[in-house]
Amino acid sequence: MDDLISRAEAIRIASGYCHPANIADELRKLPPAQPEIIYCKDCKFTDGEKPIADGRYWCVLHSCFMHFCSDAERRNDD
């Protein structure tokens, strides 16, 4: 998430450069950044192989049953 920037912030930064209209116009055409959604079944804080009930997984981080949350980190199954 650290490498995402809002469209408004990018336009503000670009406006400080020479010929900002060209840069700002191009930035306005970009779609808004969307964060990746990681569901509990794919999160490293749960056991994605064993749903507990109703498709929910036990979350070690939060000590509760979840479907998704903002603290999720993708599990590496290498």
PDB file of N, CA and C in Angstrom:
ATOM      1  N   MET A   1       0.808  -1.193   0.000  1.00  0.00           N
ATOM      2  CA  MET A   1       0.000   0.000   0.000  1.00  0.00           C
ATOM      3  C   MET A   1       0.856   1.264   0.000  1.00  0.00           C
ATOM      4  N   ASP A   2       2.114   1.184   0.416  1.00  0.00           N
ATOM      5  CA  ASP A   2       2.949   2.360   0.501  1.00  0.00           C
ATOM      6  C   ASP A   2       3.245   2.977  -0.858  1.00  0.00           C
ATOM      7  N   ASP A   3       3.139   2.199  -1.938  1.00  0.00           N
ATOM      8  CA  ASP A   3       3.483   2.743  -3.244  1.00  0.00           C
ATOM      9  C   ASP A   3       2.267   3.291  -3.993  1.00  0.00           C
ATOM     10  N   LEU A   4       1.096   3.336  -3.358  1.00  0.00           N
ATOM     11  CA  LEU A   4      -0.087   3.922  -3.986  1.00  0.00           C
ATOM     12  C   LEU A   4      -0.108   5.420  -3.713  1.00  0.00           C
ATOM     13  N   ILE A   5      -0.572   6.171  -4.683  1.00  0.00           N
ATOM     14  CA  ILE A   5      -0.704   7.622  -4.534  1.00  0.00           C
ATOM     15  C   ILE A   5      -2.070   8.016  -5.089  1.00  0.00           C
ATOM     16  N   SER A   6      -2.705   8.949  -4.420  1.00  0.00           N
ATOM     17  CA  SER A   6      -4.023   9.375  -4.894  1.00  0.00           C
ATOM     18  C   SER A   6      -3.867  10.199  -6.168  1.00  0.00           C
ATOM     19  N   ARG A   7      -4.900  10.177  -6.971  1.00  0.00           N
ATOM     20  CA  ARG A   7      -4.882  10.954  -8.203  1.00  0.00           C
ATOM     21  C   ARG A   7      -4.727  12.439  -7.894  1.00  0.00           C
ATOM     22  N   ALA A   8      -5.426  12.919  -6.854  1.00  0.00           N
ATOM     23  CA  ALA A   8      -5.342  14.336  -6.487  1.00  0.00           C
ATOM     24  C   ALA A   8      -3.921  14.719  -6.084  1.00  0.00           C
ATOM     25  N   GLU A   9      -3.239  13.845  -5.339  1.00  0.00           N
ATOM     26  CA  GLU A   9      -1.871  14.133  -4.915  1.00  0.00           C
ATOM     27  C   GLU A   9      -0.926  14.133  -6.113  1.00  0.00           C
ATOM     28  N   ALA A  10      -1.098  13.199  -7.038  1.00  0.00           N
ATOM     29  CA  ALA A  10      -0.251  13.150  -8.237  1.00  0.00           C
ATOM     30  C   ALA A  10      -0.433  14.416  -9.077  1.00  0.00           C
ATOM     31  N   ILE A  11      -1.651  14.871  -9.210  1.00  0.00           N
ATOM     32  CA  ILE A  11      -1.918  16.092  -9.983  1.00  0.00           C
ATOM     33  C   ILE A  11      -1.297  17.302  -9.281  1.00  0.00           C
ATOM     34  N   ARG A  12      -1.392  17.346  -7.960  1.00  0.00           N
ATOM     35  CA  ARG A  12      -0.791  18.449  -7.210  1.00  0.00           C
ATOM     36  C   ARG A  12       0.724  18.475  -7.423  1.00  0.00           C
ATOM     37  N   ILE A  13       1.364  17.323  -7.373  1.00  0.00           N
ATOM     38  CA  ILE A  13       2.810  17.250  -7.580  1.00  0.00           C
ATOM     39  C   ILE A  13       3.175  17.653  -9.006  1.00  0.00           C
ATOM     40  N   ALA A  14       2.450  17.121  -9.983  1.00  0.00           N
ATOM     41  CA  ALA A  14       2.751  17.406 -11.388  1.00  0.00           C
ATOM     42  C   ALA A  14       2.537  18.880 -11.728  1.00  0.00           C
ATOM     43  N   SER A  15       1.642  19.526 -11.011  1.00  0.00           N
ATOM     44  CA  SER A  15       1.344  20.931 -11.292  1.00  0.00           C
ATOM     45  C   SER A  15       2.530  21.840 -11.015  1.00  0.00           C
ATOM     46  N   GLY A  16       3.517  21.378 -10.264  1.00  0.00           N
ATOM     47  CA  GLY A  16       4.680  22.186  -9.957  1.00  0.00           C
ATOM     48  C   GLY A  16       5.742  22.142 -11.039  1.00  0.00           C
ATOM     49  N   TYR A  17       5.552  21.372 -12.085  1.00  0.00           N
ATOM     50  CA  TYR A  17       6.554  21.225 -13.139  1.00  0.00           C
ATOM     51  C   TYR A  17       6.234  22.119 -14.342  1.00  0.00           C
ATOM     52  N   CYS A  18       7.221  22.281 -15.189  1.00  0.00           N
ATOM     53  CA  CYS A  18       7.049  23.022 -16.431  1.00  0.00           C
ATOM     54  C   CYS A  18       5.995  22.313 -17.274  1.00  0.00           C
ATOM     55  N   HIS A  19       5.125  23.030 -17.894  1.00  0.00           N
ATOM     56  CA  HIS A  19       4.016  22.492 -18.695  1.00  0.00           C
ATOM     57  C   HIS A  19       3.155  21.520 -17.884  1.00  0.00           C
ATOM     58  N   PRO A  20       2.690  21.941 -16.715  1.00  0.00           N
ATOM     59  CA  PRO A  20       1.924  21.041 -15.853  1.00  0.00           C
ATOM     60  C   PRO A  20       0.595  20.608 -16.453  1.00  0.00           C
ATOM     61  N   ALA A  21       0.047  21.417 -17.359  1.00  0.00           N
ATOM     62  CA  ALA A  21      -1.243  21.049 -17.935  1.00  0.00           C
ATOM     63  C   ALA A  21      -1.161  19.707 -18.654  1.00  0.00           C
ATOM     64  N   ASN A  22      -0.076  19.476 -19.389  1.00  0.00           N
ATOM     65  CA  ASN A  22       0.072  18.215 -20.116  1.00  0.00           C
ATOM     66  C   ASN A  22       0.179  17.026 -19.161  1.00  0.00           C
ATOM     67  N   ILE A  23       0.989  17.188 -18.127  1.00  0.00           N
ATOM     68  CA  ILE A  23       1.169  16.104 -17.156  1.00  0.00           C
ATOM     69  C   ILE A  23      -0.130  15.860 -16.393  1.00  0.00           C
ATOM     70  N   ALA A  24      -0.741  16.926 -15.907  1.00  0.00           N
ATOM     71  CA  ALA A  24      -1.969  16.801 -15.131  1.00  0.00           C
ATOM     72  C   ALA A  24      -3.089  16.194 -15.966  1.00  0.00           C
ATOM     73  N   ASP A  25      -3.191  16.564 -17.220  1.00  0.00           N
ATOM     74  CA  ASP A  25      -4.227  15.992 -18.089  1.00  0.00           C
ATOM     75  C   ASP A  25      -4.045  14.481 -18.230  1.00  0.00           C
ATOM     76  N   GLU A  26      -2.803  14.031 -18.386  1.00  0.00           N
ATOM     77  CA  GLU A  26      -2.538  12.600 -18.507  1.00  0.00           C
ATOM     78  C   GLU A  26      -2.854  11.861 -17.210  1.00  0.00           C
ATOM     79  N   LEU A  27      -2.505  12.476 -16.078  1.00  0.00           N
ATOM     80  CA  LEU A  27      -2.788  11.850 -14.789  1.00  0.00           C
ATOM     81  C   LEU A  27      -4.294  11.735 -14.540  1.00  0.00           C
ATOM     82  N   ARG A  28      -5.053  12.721 -14.990  1.00  0.00           N
ATOM     83  CA  ARG A  28      -6.508  12.676 -14.819  1.00  0.00           C
ATOM     84  C   ARG A  28      -7.137  11.514 -15.586  1.00  0.00           C
ATOM     85  N   LYS A  29      -6.487  11.051 -16.638  1.00  0.00           N
ATOM     86  CA  LYS A  29      -7.002   9.945 -17.445  1.00  0.00           C
ATOM     87  C   LYS A  29      -6.789   8.584 -16.776  1.00  0.00           C
ATOM     88  N   LEU A  30      -5.868   8.536 -15.811  1.00  0.00           N
ATOM     89  CA  LEU A  30      -5.572   7.264 -15.153  1.00  0.00           C
ATOM     90  C   LEU A  30      -6.739   6.819 -14.284  1.00  0.00           C
ATOM     91  N   PRO A  31      -6.992   5.524 -14.224  1.00  0.00           N
ATOM     92  CA  PRO A  31      -8.034   5.046 -13.307  1.00  0.00           C
ATOM     93  C   PRO A  31      -7.530   5.180 -11.878  1.00  0.00           C
ATOM     94  N   PRO A  32      -8.426   5.310 -10.916  1.00  0.00           N
ATOM     95  CA  PRO A  32      -7.989   5.403  -9.530  1.00  0.00           C
ATOM     96  C   PRO A  32      -7.331   4.104  -9.079  1.00  0.00           C
ATOM     97  N   ALA A  33      -6.343   4.215  -8.205  1.00  0.00           N
ATOM     98  CA  ALA A  33      -5.667   3.029  -7.680  1.00  0.00           C
ATOM     99  C   ALA A  33      -6.612   2.270  -6.766  1.00  0.00           C
ATOM    100  N   GLN A  34      -6.625   0.980  -6.904  1.00  0.00           N
ATOM    101  CA  GLN A  34      -7.452   0.124  -6.061  1.00  0.00           C
ATOM    102  C   GLN A  34      -6.544  -0.799  -5.257  1.00  0.00           C
ATOM    103  N   PRO A  35      -6.662  -0.826  -3.948  1.00  0.00           N
ATOM    104  CA  PRO A  35      -5.835  -1.735  -3.171  1.00  0.00           C
ATOM    105  C   PRO A  35      -6.239  -3.181  -3.432  1.00  0.00           C
ATOM    106  N   GLU A  36      -5.291  -4.071  -3.317  1.00  0.00           N
ATOM    107  CA  GLU A  36      -5.569  -5.496  -3.484  1.00  0.00           C
ATOM    108  C   GLU A  36      -6.395  -5.978  -2.306  1.00  0.00           C
ATOM    109  N   ILE A  37      -7.438  -6.738  -2.577  1.00  0.00           N
ATOM    110  CA  ILE A  37      -8.253  -7.321  -1.521  1.00  0.00           C
ATOM    111  C   ILE A  37      -7.740  -8.732  -1.281  1.00  0.00           C
ATOM    112  N   ILE A  38      -7.366  -9.009  -0.041  1.00  0.00           N
ATOM    113  CA  ILE A  38      -6.888 -10.334   0.340  1.00  0.00           C
ATOM    114  C   ILE A  38      -7.887 -10.912   1.324  1.00  0.00           C
ATOM    115  N   TYR A  39      -8.523 -11.999   0.944  1.00  0.00           N
ATOM    116  CA  TYR A  39      -9.483 -12.646   1.817  1.00  0.00           C
ATOM    117  C   TYR A  39      -8.766 -13.549   2.807  1.00  0.00           C
ATOM    118  N   CYS A  40      -9.417 -13.820   3.928  1.00  0.00           N
ATOM    119  CA  CYS A  40      -8.796 -14.613   4.990  1.00  0.00           C
ATOM    120  C   CYS A  40      -8.289 -15.959   4.492  1.00  0.00           C
ATOM    121  N   LYS A  41      -8.975 -16.564   3.554  1.00  0.00           N
ATOM    122  CA  LYS A  41      -8.532 -17.872   3.065  1.00  0.00           C
ATOM    123  C   LYS A  41      -7.158 -17.796   2.406  1.00  0.00           C
ATOM    124  N   ASP A  42      -6.744 -16.597   1.975  1.00  0.00           N
ATOM    125  CA  ASP A  42      -5.450 -16.408   1.331  1.00  0.00           C
ATOM    126  C   ASP A  42      -4.448 -15.667   2.222  1.00  0.00           C
ATOM    127  N   CYS A  43      -4.809 -15.398   3.464  1.00  0.00           N
ATOM    128  CA  CYS A  43      -3.994 -14.584   4.361  1.00  0.00           C
ATOM    129  C   CYS A  43      -3.035 -15.452   5.177  1.00  0.00           C
ATOM    130  N   LYS A  44      -1.843 -14.923   5.455  1.00  0.00           N
ATOM    131  CA  LYS A  44      -0.849 -15.673   6.217  1.00  0.00           C
ATOM    132  C   LYS A  44      -1.222 -15.791   7.699  1.00  0.00           C
ATOM    133  N   PHE A  45      -2.202 -15.029   8.172  1.00  0.00           N
ATOM    134  CA  PHE A  45      -2.613 -15.091   9.568  1.00  0.00           C
ATOM    135  C   PHE A  45      -3.723 -16.107   9.826  1.00  0.00           C
ATOM    136  N   THR A  46      -4.144 -16.834   8.793  1.00  0.00           N
ATOM    137  CA  THR A  46      -5.176 -17.864   8.963  1.00  0.00           C
ATOM    138  C   THR A  46      -4.704 -19.175   8.337  1.00  0.00           C
ATOM    139  N   ASP A  47      -5.411 -20.236   8.668  1.00  0.00           N
ATOM    140  CA  ASP A  47      -5.159 -21.517   8.027  1.00  0.00           C
ATOM    141  C   ASP A  47      -6.173 -21.634   6.893  1.00  0.00           C
ATOM    142  N   GLY A  48      -5.784 -21.247   5.706  1.00  0.00           N
ATOM    143  CA  GLY A  48      -6.680 -21.205   4.557  1.00  0.00           C
ATOM    144  C   GLY A  48      -7.178 -22.553   4.101  1.00  0.00           C
ATOM    145  N   GLU A  49      -6.596 -23.621   4.623  1.00  0.00           N
ATOM    146  CA  GLU A  49      -7.019 -24.969   4.238  1.00  0.00           C
ATOM    147  C   GLU A  49      -8.203 -25.457   5.050  1.00  0.00           C
ATOM    148  N   LYS A  50      -8.449 -24.839   6.194  1.00  0.00           N
ATOM    149  CA  LYS A  50      -9.470 -25.351   7.103  1.00  0.00           C
ATOM    150  C   LYS A  50     -10.451 -24.271   7.524  1.00  0.00           C
ATOM    151  N   PRO A  51     -11.502 -24.033   6.732  1.00  0.00           N
ATOM    152  CA  PRO A  51     -12.507 -23.067   7.199  1.00  0.00           C
ATOM    153  C   PRO A  51     -13.194 -23.614   8.448  1.00  0.00           C
ATOM    154  N   ILE A  52     -13.492 -22.749   9.381  1.00  0.00           N
ATOM    155  CA  ILE A  52     -14.110 -23.162  10.637  1.00  0.00           C
ATOM    156  C   ILE A  52     -15.607 -23.405  10.440  1.00  0.00           C
ATOM    157  N   ALA A  53     -16.322 -22.388  10.007  1.00  0.00           N
ATOM    158  CA  ALA A  53     -17.771 -22.501   9.809  1.00  0.00           C
ATOM    159  C   ALA A  53     -18.225 -21.370   8.907  1.00  0.00           C
ATOM    160  N   ASP A  54     -19.250 -21.644   8.098  1.00  0.00           N
ATOM    161  CA  ASP A  54     -19.857 -20.602   7.266  1.00  0.00           C
ATOM    162  C   ASP A  54     -18.819 -19.901   6.387  1.00  0.00           C
ATOM    163  N   GLY A  55     -17.777 -20.629   5.955  1.00  0.00           N
ATOM    164  CA  GLY A  55     -16.759 -20.044   5.096  1.00  0.00           C
ATOM    165  C   GLY A  55     -15.810 -19.097   5.804  1.00  0.00           C
ATOM    166  N   ARG A  56     -15.897 -19.024   7.130  1.00  0.00           N
ATOM    167  CA  ARG A  56     -15.019 -18.144   7.900  1.00  0.00           C
ATOM    168  C   ARG A  56     -13.778 -18.902   8.348  1.00  0.00           C
ATOM    169  N   TYR A  57     -12.699 -18.151   8.528  1.00  0.00           N
ATOM    170  CA  TYR A  57     -11.427 -18.731   8.926  1.00  0.00           C
ATOM    171  C   TYR A  57     -10.974 -18.109  10.242  1.00  0.00           C
ATOM    172  N   TRP A  58     -10.278 -18.893  11.065  1.00  0.00           N
ATOM    173  CA  TRP A  58      -9.788 -18.374  12.332  1.00  0.00           C
ATOM    174  C   TRP A  58      -8.584 -17.477  12.064  1.00  0.00           C
ATOM    175  N   CYS A  59      -8.650 -16.250  12.562  1.00  0.00           N
ATOM    176  CA  CYS A  59      -7.585 -15.271  12.365  1.00  0.00           C
ATOM    177  C   CYS A  59      -6.724 -15.201  13.624  1.00  0.00           C
ATOM    178  N   VAL A  60      -5.456 -15.567  13.493  1.00  0.00           N
ATOM    179  CA  VAL A  60      -4.531 -15.526  14.614  1.00  0.00           C
ATOM    180  C   VAL A  60      -4.267 -14.077  15.034  1.00  0.00           C
ATOM    181  N   LEU A  61      -4.199 -13.170  14.081  1.00  0.00           N
ATOM    182  CA  LEU A  61      -3.896 -11.772  14.363  1.00  0.00           C
ATOM    183  C   LEU A  61      -4.979 -11.115  15.214  1.00  0.00           C
ATOM    184  N   HIS A  62      -6.244 -11.383  14.876  1.00  0.00           N
ATOM    185  CA  HIS A  62      -7.362 -10.731  15.560  1.00  0.00           C
ATOM    186  C   HIS A  62      -8.075 -11.631  16.562  1.00  0.00           C
ATOM    187  N   SER A  63      -7.712 -12.902  16.599  1.00  0.00           N
ATOM    188  CA  SER A  63      -8.365 -13.884  17.481  1.00  0.00           C
ATOM    189  C   SER A  63      -9.879 -13.889  17.295  1.00  0.00           C
ATOM    190  N   CYS A  64     -10.297 -13.985  16.038  1.00  0.00           N
ATOM    191  CA  CYS A  64     -11.729 -14.045  15.738  1.00  0.00           C
ATOM    192  C   CYS A  64     -11.938 -14.723  14.387  1.00  0.00           C
ATOM    193  N   PHE A  65     -13.193 -14.903  14.016  1.00  0.00           N
ATOM    194  CA  PHE A  65     -13.540 -15.481  12.712  1.00  0.00           C
ATOM    195  C   PHE A  65     -13.773 -14.343  11.733  1.00  0.00           C
ATOM    196  N   MET A  66     -13.111 -14.385  10.575  1.00  0.00           N
ATOM    197  CA  MET A  66     -13.195 -13.291   9.622  1.00  0.00           C
ATOM    198  C   MET A  66     -13.367 -13.828   8.199  1.00  0.00           C
ATOM    199  N   HIS A  67     -13.836 -12.965   7.287  1.00  0.00           N
ATOM    200  CA  HIS A  67     -13.815 -13.207   5.846  1.00  0.00           C
ATOM    201  C   HIS A  67     -12.691 -12.394   5.208  1.00  0.00           C
ATOM    202  N   PHE A  68     -12.496 -11.162   5.687  1.00  0.00           N
ATOM    203  CA  PHE A  68     -11.436 -10.281   5.194  1.00  0.00           C
ATOM    204  C   PHE A  68     -11.238  -9.157   6.208  1.00  0.00           C
ATOM    205  N   CYS A  69     -10.089  -8.479   6.131  1.00  0.00           N
ATOM    206  CA  CYS A  69      -9.840  -7.327   6.997  1.00  0.00           C
ATOM    207  C   CYS A  69      -8.762  -6.449   6.349  1.00  0.00           C
ATOM    208  N   SER A  70      -8.501  -5.303   6.939  1.00  0.00           N
ATOM    209  CA  SER A  70      -7.523  -4.382   6.373  1.00  0.00           C
ATOM    210  C   SER A  70      -6.087  -4.742   6.747  1.00  0.00           C
ATOM    211  N   ASP A  71      -5.884  -5.732   7.617  1.00  0.00           N
ATOM    212  CA  ASP A  71      -4.549  -6.121   8.045  1.00  0.00           C
ATOM    213  C   ASP A  71      -4.031  -7.348   7.304  1.00  0.00           C
ATOM    214  N   ALA A  72      -4.764  -7.840   6.347  1.00  0.00           N
ATOM    215  CA  ALA A  72      -4.395  -9.079   5.653  1.00  0.00           C
ATOM    216  C   ALA A  72      -3.063  -8.949   4.916  1.00  0.00           C
ATOM    217  N   GLU A  73      -2.316 -10.044   4.921  1.00  0.00           N
ATOM    218  CA  GLU A  73      -1.081 -10.147   4.151  1.00  0.00           C
ATOM    219  C   GLU A  73      -1.125 -11.479   3.417  1.00  0.00           C
ATOM    220  N   ARG A  74      -0.847 -11.442   2.119  1.00  0.00           N
ATOM    221  CA  ARG A  74      -0.951 -12.644   1.303  1.00  0.00           C
ATOM    222  C   ARG A  74       0.021 -13.708   1.795  1.00  0.00           C
ATOM    223  N   ARG A  75      -0.487 -14.930   1.903  1.00  0.00           N
ATOM    224  CA  ARG A  75       0.323 -16.077   2.320  1.00  0.00           C
ATOM    225  C   ARG A  75       1.167 -16.551   1.154  1.00  0.00           C
ATOM    226  N   ASN A  76       2.433 -16.864   1.416  1.00  0.00           N
ATOM    227  CA  ASN A  76       3.316 -17.459   0.402  1.00  0.00           C
ATOM    228  C   ASN A  76       3.252 -18.966   0.545  1.00  0.00           C
ATOM    229  N   ASP A  77       2.753 -19.631  -0.458  1.00  0.00           N
ATOM    230  CA  ASP A  77       2.645 -21.093  -0.426  1.00  0.00           C
ATOM    231  C   ASP A  77       3.766 -21.755  -1.192  1.00  0.00           C
ATOM    232  N   ASP A  78       4.936 -21.121  -1.194  1.00  0.00           N
ATOM    233  CA  ASP A  78       6.067 -21.656  -1.942  1.00  0.00           C
ATOM    234  C   ASP A  78       6.577 -22.950  -1.365  1.00  0.00           C
TER     235      ASP A  78
END
